[in-house]
Protein backbone atom coordinates (compact mmCIF):
# COMPACT_ATOMS: atom_id res chain seq x y z
CA MET A 1 -54.53 31.48 -36.97
CA LEU A 2 -52.94 34.40 -35.11
CA PRO A 3 -52.84 33.69 -30.81
CA THR A 4 -55.69 36.18 -29.46
CA ARG A 5 -55.07 38.40 -26.56
CA GLY A 6 -56.07 37.04 -23.11
CA ALA A 7 -55.30 33.43 -23.82
CA ILE A 8 -52.17 31.69 -24.69
CA ILE A 9 -50.11 34.65 -26.30
CA THR A 10 -47.76 32.59 -28.13
CA SER A 11 -47.05 29.14 -28.57
CA THR A 12 -44.50 28.07 -30.41
CA ALA A 13 -42.72 24.33 -31.00
CA VAL A 14 -39.08 24.16 -30.11
CA SER A 15 -38.88 21.14 -33.41
CA THR A 16 -38.33 18.11 -31.37
CA LEU A 17 -35.66 19.38 -28.95
CA GLY A 18 -38.22 20.23 -26.05
CA PRO A 19 -41.47 21.48 -24.67
CA ILE A 20 -43.66 24.26 -26.24
CA ARG A 21 -42.62 27.72 -25.42
CA GLN A 22 -45.49 29.35 -23.80
CA THR A 23 -46.71 32.73 -22.28
CA TYR A 24 -49.45 32.26 -19.53
CA ALA A 25 -51.79 34.94 -19.64
CA LYS A 26 -53.86 35.47 -16.44
CA SER A 27 -56.94 34.04 -17.83
CA ASP A 28 -55.00 30.74 -17.91
CA THR A 29 -56.31 27.92 -15.70
CA PHE A 30 -54.02 25.33 -14.23
CA PRO A 31 -54.73 21.97 -12.56
CA PRO A 32 -55.99 22.42 -8.79
CA VAL A 33 -52.92 21.63 -6.85
CA ALA A 34 -52.76 24.53 -4.41
CA ARG A 35 -52.27 21.74 -1.91
CA ALA A 36 -49.73 19.86 -3.43
CA TYR A 37 -46.90 21.79 -2.06
CA THR A 38 -47.73 21.86 1.23
CA GLN A 39 -48.26 17.75 0.77
CA VAL A 40 -45.16 16.91 -0.87
CA SER A 41 -42.98 19.31 1.62
CA GLN A 42 -44.69 17.08 4.55
CA VAL A 43 -43.18 14.04 2.69
CA ALA A 44 -39.64 15.69 2.65
CA LYS A 45 -39.90 16.54 6.01
CA GLU A 46 -40.95 12.75 7.21
CA THR A 47 -38.52 11.38 5.09
CA GLY A 48 -35.51 13.18 6.43
CA LEU A 49 -34.76 14.93 3.19
CA LEU A 50 -34.75 18.72 4.77
CA ALA A 51 -31.95 17.77 7.19
CA ARG A 52 -28.64 19.63 6.38
CA ALA A 53 -25.61 17.42 5.04
CA PRO A 54 -22.83 19.34 6.89
CA TRP A 55 -20.11 16.47 6.25
CA PHE A 56 -20.85 15.94 2.68
CA TYR A 57 -19.90 19.76 2.33
CA ALA A 58 -17.27 19.26 4.56
CA MET A 59 -16.05 16.50 2.19
CA VAL A 60 -16.44 18.72 -0.80
CA GLY A 61 -14.96 22.16 0.44
CA THR A 62 -11.99 19.71 1.26
CA ALA A 63 -12.25 18.40 -2.45
CA ILE A 64 -11.93 21.97 -3.93
CA ALA A 65 -9.39 23.32 -1.19
CA LEU A 66 -6.99 20.16 -2.76
CA GLY A 67 -7.75 21.37 -6.18
CA MET A 68 -6.41 25.00 -5.40
CA GLY A 69 -3.32 23.76 -3.76
CA GLY A 70 -2.50 21.40 -6.36
CA ALA A 71 -3.13 24.44 -8.97
CA ILE A 72 -0.84 26.89 -6.73
CA THR A 73 1.48 23.95 -6.68
CA GLY A 74 1.51 23.40 -10.29
CA PHE A 75 1.50 27.52 -10.89
CA ILE A 76 4.74 27.48 -8.94
CA LEU A 77 6.51 24.83 -10.57
CA LEU A 78 5.74 25.20 -14.23
CA GLY A 79 7.23 28.86 -14.09
CA ASP A 80 7.46 30.88 -17.34
CA SER A 81 5.69 28.23 -19.37
CA TRP A 82 2.18 28.48 -21.85
CA PHE A 83 1.30 25.39 -20.41
CA GLN A 84 0.27 27.86 -17.41
CA LEU A 85 -3.08 28.44 -19.40
CA LEU A 86 -3.65 24.65 -18.28
CA ILE A 87 -3.37 25.77 -14.66
CA ALA A 88 -5.35 28.96 -15.45
CA ALA A 89 -8.34 26.69 -16.67
CA ALA A 90 -8.14 24.76 -13.84
CA PHE A 91 -8.56 27.94 -11.55
CA GLY A 92 -11.79 28.58 -13.55
CA ILE A 93 -13.43 25.18 -13.05
CA LEU A 94 -12.32 24.92 -9.51
CA LEU A 95 -14.00 28.41 -8.63
CA THR A 96 -16.78 27.60 -10.77
CA GLN A 97 -17.22 24.83 -7.62
CA ALA A 98 -16.58 27.21 -5.32
CA ALA A 99 -19.27 29.29 -6.37
CA PHE A 100 -21.79 26.12 -6.63
CA LEU A 101 -21.02 26.22 -2.68
CA ALA A 102 -21.38 30.05 -2.45
CA HIS A 103 -24.75 29.08 -4.01
CA GLU A 104 -26.14 26.35 -1.60
CA ALA A 105 -24.55 28.14 1.45
CA ALA A 106 -26.82 31.14 0.37
CA HIS A 107 -29.58 28.69 0.26
CA ARG A 108 -29.07 27.29 4.13
CA GLN A 109 -27.88 24.27 2.96
CA ILE A 110 -24.47 23.63 4.80
CA LEU A 111 -24.87 25.04 8.27
CA SER A 112 -27.56 24.80 11.13
CA THR A 113 -28.43 28.60 11.16
CA GLY A 114 -29.31 31.27 8.49
CA PRO A 115 -26.64 33.63 9.52
CA ALA A 116 -23.84 30.75 10.12
CA ASN A 117 -24.74 30.32 5.97
CA ASP A 118 -24.96 33.74 5.12
CA ARG A 119 -21.32 34.77 6.80
CA LEU A 120 -19.86 31.46 4.99
CA ALA A 121 -21.45 32.11 1.55
CA ARG A 122 -20.15 35.87 2.00
CA ILE A 123 -16.75 34.55 2.24
CA LEU A 124 -16.51 32.04 -0.64
CA ALA A 125 -18.82 34.26 -3.08
CA ALA A 126 -16.61 37.35 -2.46
CA GLY A 127 -13.39 36.35 -0.81
CA VAL A 128 -12.97 33.19 -2.77
CA VAL A 129 -15.21 33.59 -6.02
CA GLY A 130 -14.48 37.45 -6.33
CA ILE A 131 -17.98 38.28 -6.84
CA SER A 132 -20.40 40.36 -4.70
CA TYR A 133 -22.40 38.08 -2.48
CA ALA A 134 -25.16 41.09 -1.64
CA TRP A 135 -25.54 41.82 -5.50
CA TRP A 136 -25.88 38.23 -6.28
CA ASP A 137 -28.15 37.35 -3.31
CA SER A 138 -30.75 39.74 -4.26
CA LYS A 139 -31.02 39.23 -8.20
CA HIS A 140 -31.10 35.13 -7.00
CA SER A 141 -33.90 35.43 -4.51
CA ARG A 142 -36.12 37.76 -7.23
CA HIS A 143 -35.48 35.01 -9.44
CA HIS A 144 -36.56 31.78 -7.00
CA ALA A 145 -39.56 33.62 -5.73
CA ASN A 146 -41.00 34.60 -9.72
CA PRO A 147 -38.93 32.14 -12.01
CA ASN A 148 -39.61 33.08 -15.68
CA ARG A 149 -42.67 35.69 -14.80
CA VAL A 150 -42.23 38.76 -17.12
CA GLY A 151 -41.23 41.92 -15.12
CA ARG A 152 -39.97 40.22 -12.17
CA ASP A 153 -37.72 37.15 -12.62
CA PRO A 154 -34.11 39.45 -13.19
CA ASP A 155 -32.66 36.66 -14.87
CA ILE A 156 -35.21 37.10 -18.23
CA GLU A 157 -34.23 40.57 -18.59
CA VAL A 158 -32.21 41.97 -21.57
CA ASP A 159 -28.46 41.61 -21.00
CA THR A 160 -26.86 41.39 -24.16
CA ILE A 161 -28.87 38.34 -24.67
CA SER A 162 -32.80 38.73 -25.18
CA PHE A 163 -34.75 36.31 -23.57
CA LEU A 164 -38.26 37.87 -24.76
CA ASP A 165 -39.96 38.59 -28.11
CA GLU A 166 -40.20 42.25 -27.26
CA ASP A 167 -36.89 42.90 -25.94
CA ALA A 168 -35.45 41.30 -29.06
CA ALA A 169 -38.06 43.45 -31.00
CA GLN A 170 -36.50 46.51 -29.65
CA ALA A 171 -32.62 45.53 -30.12
CA ARG A 172 -30.74 48.22 -32.27
CA GLY A 173 -27.04 48.58 -33.54
CA LEU A 174 -24.63 46.01 -32.36
CA ARG A 175 -26.91 44.97 -29.86
CA ARG A 176 -29.36 44.19 -32.59
CA LEU A 177 -26.57 41.95 -34.67
CA ILE A 178 -26.39 39.84 -31.79
CA THR A 179 -29.39 39.40 -31.18
CA ARG A 180 -30.30 37.92 -34.63
CA LYS A 181 -27.73 34.88 -33.77
CA GLN A 182 -27.95 35.09 -30.23
CA GLY A 183 -28.52 31.35 -30.04
CA TRP A 184 -25.49 30.48 -32.10
CA LEU A 185 -23.55 33.13 -30.32
CA PHE A 186 -24.93 32.21 -26.77
CA PHE A 187 -22.02 30.08 -25.96
CA PRO A 188 -19.16 31.80 -27.43
CA LEU A 189 -20.65 34.97 -25.38
CA LEU A 190 -20.38 33.07 -21.88
CA THR A 191 -16.87 33.19 -22.06
CA LEU A 192 -17.06 36.91 -20.97
CA GLU A 193 -19.89 36.21 -18.30
CA GLY A 194 -17.13 35.71 -15.90
CA ILE A 195 -15.90 39.70 -16.57
CA ASN A 196 -19.82 40.73 -16.33
CA LEU A 197 -20.17 38.92 -13.07
CA HIS A 198 -17.40 40.56 -11.37
CA PHE A 199 -17.73 43.87 -13.07
CA LEU A 200 -21.74 43.91 -12.04
CA GLY A 201 -20.82 42.78 -8.54
CA LEU A 202 -18.43 45.74 -8.40
CA LYS A 203 -20.76 48.46 -9.13
CA HIS A 204 -23.41 47.20 -7.16
CA LEU A 205 -21.03 47.63 -4.22
CA LEU A 206 -19.24 51.08 -5.29
CA PHE A 207 -22.50 52.48 -6.70
CA SER A 208 -25.40 51.48 -5.59
CA LYS A 209 -26.96 53.88 -3.12
CA GLU A 210 -29.33 51.50 -1.56
CA LYS A 211 -28.03 50.37 2.19
CA ILE A 212 -26.13 46.79 1.59
CA LYS A 213 -25.38 44.51 4.01
CA GLY A 214 -21.69 44.30 4.56
CA ARG A 215 -20.87 46.43 1.78
CA ALA A 216 -17.54 47.40 3.44
CA LEU A 217 -16.46 43.21 3.98
CA GLU A 218 -17.62 42.40 0.73
CA ILE A 219 -15.21 45.80 -1.07
CA ALA A 220 -12.31 44.56 1.44
CA LEU A 221 -12.93 40.56 0.98
CA ILE A 222 -12.55 41.16 -3.04
CA VAL A 223 -9.76 43.36 -2.75
CA LEU A 224 -7.77 40.92 -0.84
CA ARG A 225 -8.62 38.38 -3.38
CA LEU A 226 -7.68 40.45 -6.14
CA SER A 227 -4.19 41.15 -4.32
CA ILE A 228 -3.57 37.28 -3.77
CA PHE A 229 -4.72 35.91 -7.24
CA ILE A 230 -3.80 38.26 -9.45
CA VAL A 231 -0.89 40.23 -8.17
CA PRO A 232 1.15 36.95 -7.93
CA VAL A 233 0.06 36.22 -12.02
CA PHE A 234 1.63 39.15 -12.86
CA MET A 235 4.64 39.33 -10.51
CA LEU A 236 5.85 36.04 -11.90
CA LEU A 237 4.68 35.76 -15.35
CA PRO A 238 5.51 37.62 -18.48
CA LEU A 239 2.95 40.60 -19.31
CA GLY A 240 1.88 38.60 -21.93
CA MET A 241 1.49 35.31 -20.90
CA ALA A 242 -0.20 36.71 -16.96
CA PHE A 243 -3.33 38.36 -19.60
CA ALA A 244 -3.60 35.52 -21.34
CA PHE A 245 -3.61 33.34 -17.88
CA MET A 246 -6.09 35.87 -16.56
CA GLY A 247 -8.05 35.62 -20.07
CA VAL A 248 -8.69 31.66 -19.67
CA GLN A 249 -9.06 31.48 -16.28
CA LEU A 250 -11.66 33.83 -16.68
CA ALA A 251 -13.17 32.29 -19.55
CA VAL A 252 -13.54 29.00 -18.45
CA PHE A 253 -14.94 30.12 -15.30
CA GLY A 254 -17.82 32.27 -17.09
CA LEU A 255 -18.56 29.25 -19.64
CA TYR A 256 -18.70 26.79 -17.13
CA MET A 257 -21.10 28.77 -14.99
CA GLY A 258 -23.31 29.98 -17.75
CA ALA A 259 -23.09 26.20 -19.21
CA SER A 260 -24.32 25.12 -15.83
CA PHE A 261 -27.30 27.38 -15.30
CA ALA A 262 -28.44 28.03 -18.59
CA PRO A 263 -30.21 24.50 -19.09
CA ASN A 264 -32.27 25.50 -16.01
CA HIS A 265 -34.97 28.15 -17.37
CA LYS A 266 -34.20 28.76 -20.88
CA GLY A 267 -36.70 27.62 -23.36
CA MET A 268 -39.54 26.59 -20.45
CA PRO A 269 -42.49 28.71 -20.15
CA ILE A 270 -42.40 32.36 -19.92
CA ILE A 271 -45.25 33.67 -17.39
CA ASP A 272 -47.27 36.85 -17.91
CA ALA A 273 -46.73 39.37 -15.38
CA ASN A 274 -50.39 39.37 -14.32
CA ALA A 275 -50.89 35.51 -14.24
CA ARG A 276 -51.85 33.94 -10.89
CA LEU A 277 -50.39 30.42 -10.33
CA ASP A 278 -50.10 28.28 -7.08
CA PHE A 279 -46.55 28.07 -6.14
CA PHE A 280 -46.20 24.20 -6.91
CA SER A 281 -46.90 24.77 -10.50
CA LYS A 282 -44.85 27.92 -10.85
CA GLN A 283 -41.96 26.48 -9.97
CA VAL A 284 -42.34 22.78 -11.69
CA ARG A 285 -43.88 24.23 -15.14
CA THR A 286 -40.84 26.98 -15.35
CA SER A 287 -37.87 24.26 -14.42
CA ARG A 288 -36.05 21.45 -16.81
CA ASN A 289 -34.07 18.83 -14.96
CA ILE A 290 -31.16 17.42 -16.19
CA ARG A 291 -30.61 13.50 -16.67
CA GLY A 292 -27.51 11.87 -15.78
CA GLY A 293 -27.26 11.12 -11.89
CA TRP A 294 -24.15 11.22 -9.83
CA TRP A 295 -21.93 12.72 -12.67
CA ALA A 296 -24.24 15.31 -13.56
CA THR A 297 -25.00 16.27 -9.76
CA TRP A 298 -20.90 16.83 -9.13
CA LEU A 299 -20.46 18.63 -12.71
CA MET A 300 -23.70 20.83 -12.22
CA GLY A 301 -23.51 21.32 -7.94
CA GLY A 302 -26.87 19.98 -7.89
CA LEU A 303 -28.35 22.21 -10.62
CA ASN A 304 -29.42 19.14 -12.54
CA TYR A 305 -32.20 18.79 -10.03
CA GLN A 306 -33.91 22.78 -10.51
CA VAL A 307 -37.23 21.06 -10.12
CA GLU A 308 -36.52 19.92 -6.56
CA HIS A 309 -34.27 22.59 -5.98
CA HIS A 310 -37.13 25.20 -6.99
CA LEU A 311 -39.14 23.60 -4.81
CA PHE A 312 -37.05 22.94 -1.73
CA PRO A 313 -34.35 25.96 -1.74
CA SER A 314 -32.82 25.01 1.68
CA MET A 315 -32.15 21.31 0.60
CA ALA A 316 -28.93 19.58 0.56
CA ARG A 317 -27.53 18.18 -2.68
CA PRO A 318 -27.13 15.09 -1.45
CA HIS A 319 -31.21 14.70 -0.84
CA LEU A 320 -32.80 16.15 -4.22
CA SER A 321 -32.34 12.91 -6.11
CA LYS A 322 -34.66 11.48 -3.10
CA ALA A 323 -36.81 14.46 -3.50
CA ARG A 324 -36.87 14.12 -7.44
CA GLU A 325 -39.07 10.61 -6.86
CA ILE A 326 -41.46 12.05 -4.91
CA VAL A 327 -41.63 15.33 -6.78
CA ARG A 328 -42.44 13.10 -10.08
CA ASP A 329 -44.98 11.24 -8.74
CA TYR A 330 -46.87 14.02 -7.44
CA CYS A 331 -46.33 15.68 -10.80
CA LYS A 332 -47.59 12.31 -12.60
CA THR A 333 -51.00 12.34 -10.46
CA LEU A 334 -51.95 15.79 -10.77
CA ASP A 335 -51.37 16.27 -14.50
CA VAL A 336 -48.54 18.70 -13.99
CA PRO A 337 -45.54 19.17 -16.92
CA TYR A 338 -42.39 17.77 -15.45
CA THR A 339 -39.38 18.36 -17.46
CA GLU A 340 -36.55 16.61 -17.70
CA THR A 341 -33.75 16.15 -20.49
CA SER A 342 -30.12 15.51 -21.05
CA LEU A 343 -27.27 18.04 -21.10
CA ILE A 344 -26.89 18.13 -24.72
CA GLN A 345 -30.73 18.44 -25.55
CA SER A 346 -30.73 21.12 -23.08
CA TYR A 347 -28.23 23.02 -24.72
CA ALA A 348 -30.04 22.27 -27.97
CA ILE A 349 -32.98 23.73 -26.63
CA VAL A 350 -31.70 26.66 -25.28
CA ILE A 351 -29.73 27.10 -29.06
CA GLU A 352 -33.28 27.14 -30.54
CA TYR A 353 -35.50 28.83 -28.35
CA LEU A 354 -32.97 32.12 -28.21
CA ASN A 355 -32.19 31.49 -32.11
CA ARG A 356 -36.63 32.01 -32.15
CA VAL A 357 -36.78 34.93 -29.71
CA GLY A 358 -33.63 36.64 -31.96
CA LEU A 359 -36.01 36.40 -35.09
CA ALA A 360 -37.97 39.33 -33.61
CA ALA A 361 -34.50 41.58 -34.61
CA ALA A 362 -34.23 40.31 -37.78
CA ASP A 363 -36.33 43.97 -39.13
CA PRO A 364 -37.06 46.68 -36.97
CA PHE A 365 -40.18 47.85 -39.66
CA ASP A 366 -41.19 44.25 -39.73
CA CYS A 367 -45.38 44.25 -37.99
CA PRO A 368 -45.48 42.58 -34.80
CA ALA A 369 -48.18 40.50 -35.80
CA ALA A 370 -46.40 39.78 -39.16
CA SER A 371 -43.52 38.86 -37.08
CA GLN A 372 -45.58 36.51 -34.85
CA TYR A 373 -47.54 34.65 -37.52
CA ARG A 374 -43.62 34.33 -39.16
CA ARG A 375 -42.27 32.49 -36.10
CA ALA A 376 -44.99 30.57 -35.18
């Protein structure tokens, strides 16, 4: 039987790979957990999990700086050699780790005051990574407020990849061809995400008519970063090798960034624009944790604890694993689904989900009801 409007709009199983993908409508009911967030926050505060961890971040920053120094030294010593592409890959990894730090500074996890964290995040994002902090912060703040909510979460808006059936159905031309196989193309396309992030940030800074705090400073930082990072590459390496170096660095950066953020929400429930959810349910139901402990935390910059990160955005990375135990107990007591998978399983879920959404682009003349029935 076809789903009816007003209840669950879609309910399509992701085979054995993960949870059911649902779109919640405003008439859905949820567990009485309105006070859950207040209670779990109080426990986290009493156990000291909301305290800053400056020494931890000092060590992480030092490790990244030493890695950068090693990569620069290797670049100078190798000279005109195709082994420079290994250095380029190393820079891609190190810059992603720097981006994780910028993300945590933006969430007030590192320093004691908001303005100090903002300054650090802007320096790391624009001056080290080369991405506009103002653009990213606005986008990311909207995502945190309404994860996976239709019309409010910018992370599920169409951008080559379609995350919603209706967006996939409207795809035409080249985008339609991509959408039809977007699950399989997702990770190859991430190699272009580094270029996309730099481009969108610069576009925002240069052409947006809205008032942007720190616009001039960010432009200056990005230009300075370009002169320090890119100019030496093209001065010291043959032209073809220099382009290959930048291509590898950007590809590794984009793939690493995308592969770290993709498991967090893709394939989790999509929330209707008019749905009413309490904060605790909204954040837990739309987020997915990645198992793996300390190695996953280092690999993903703490994003493996996505549920806890969304509940406590200002919680420092070292405290997330302890918060996980508290949140899991509350979810079990309140019968709120708590999703946790392996990294490989999460990628399989993402690919399956995107391919299923991409079916909507198979034939633009299909009857929508028939297409929905076919996908179900």
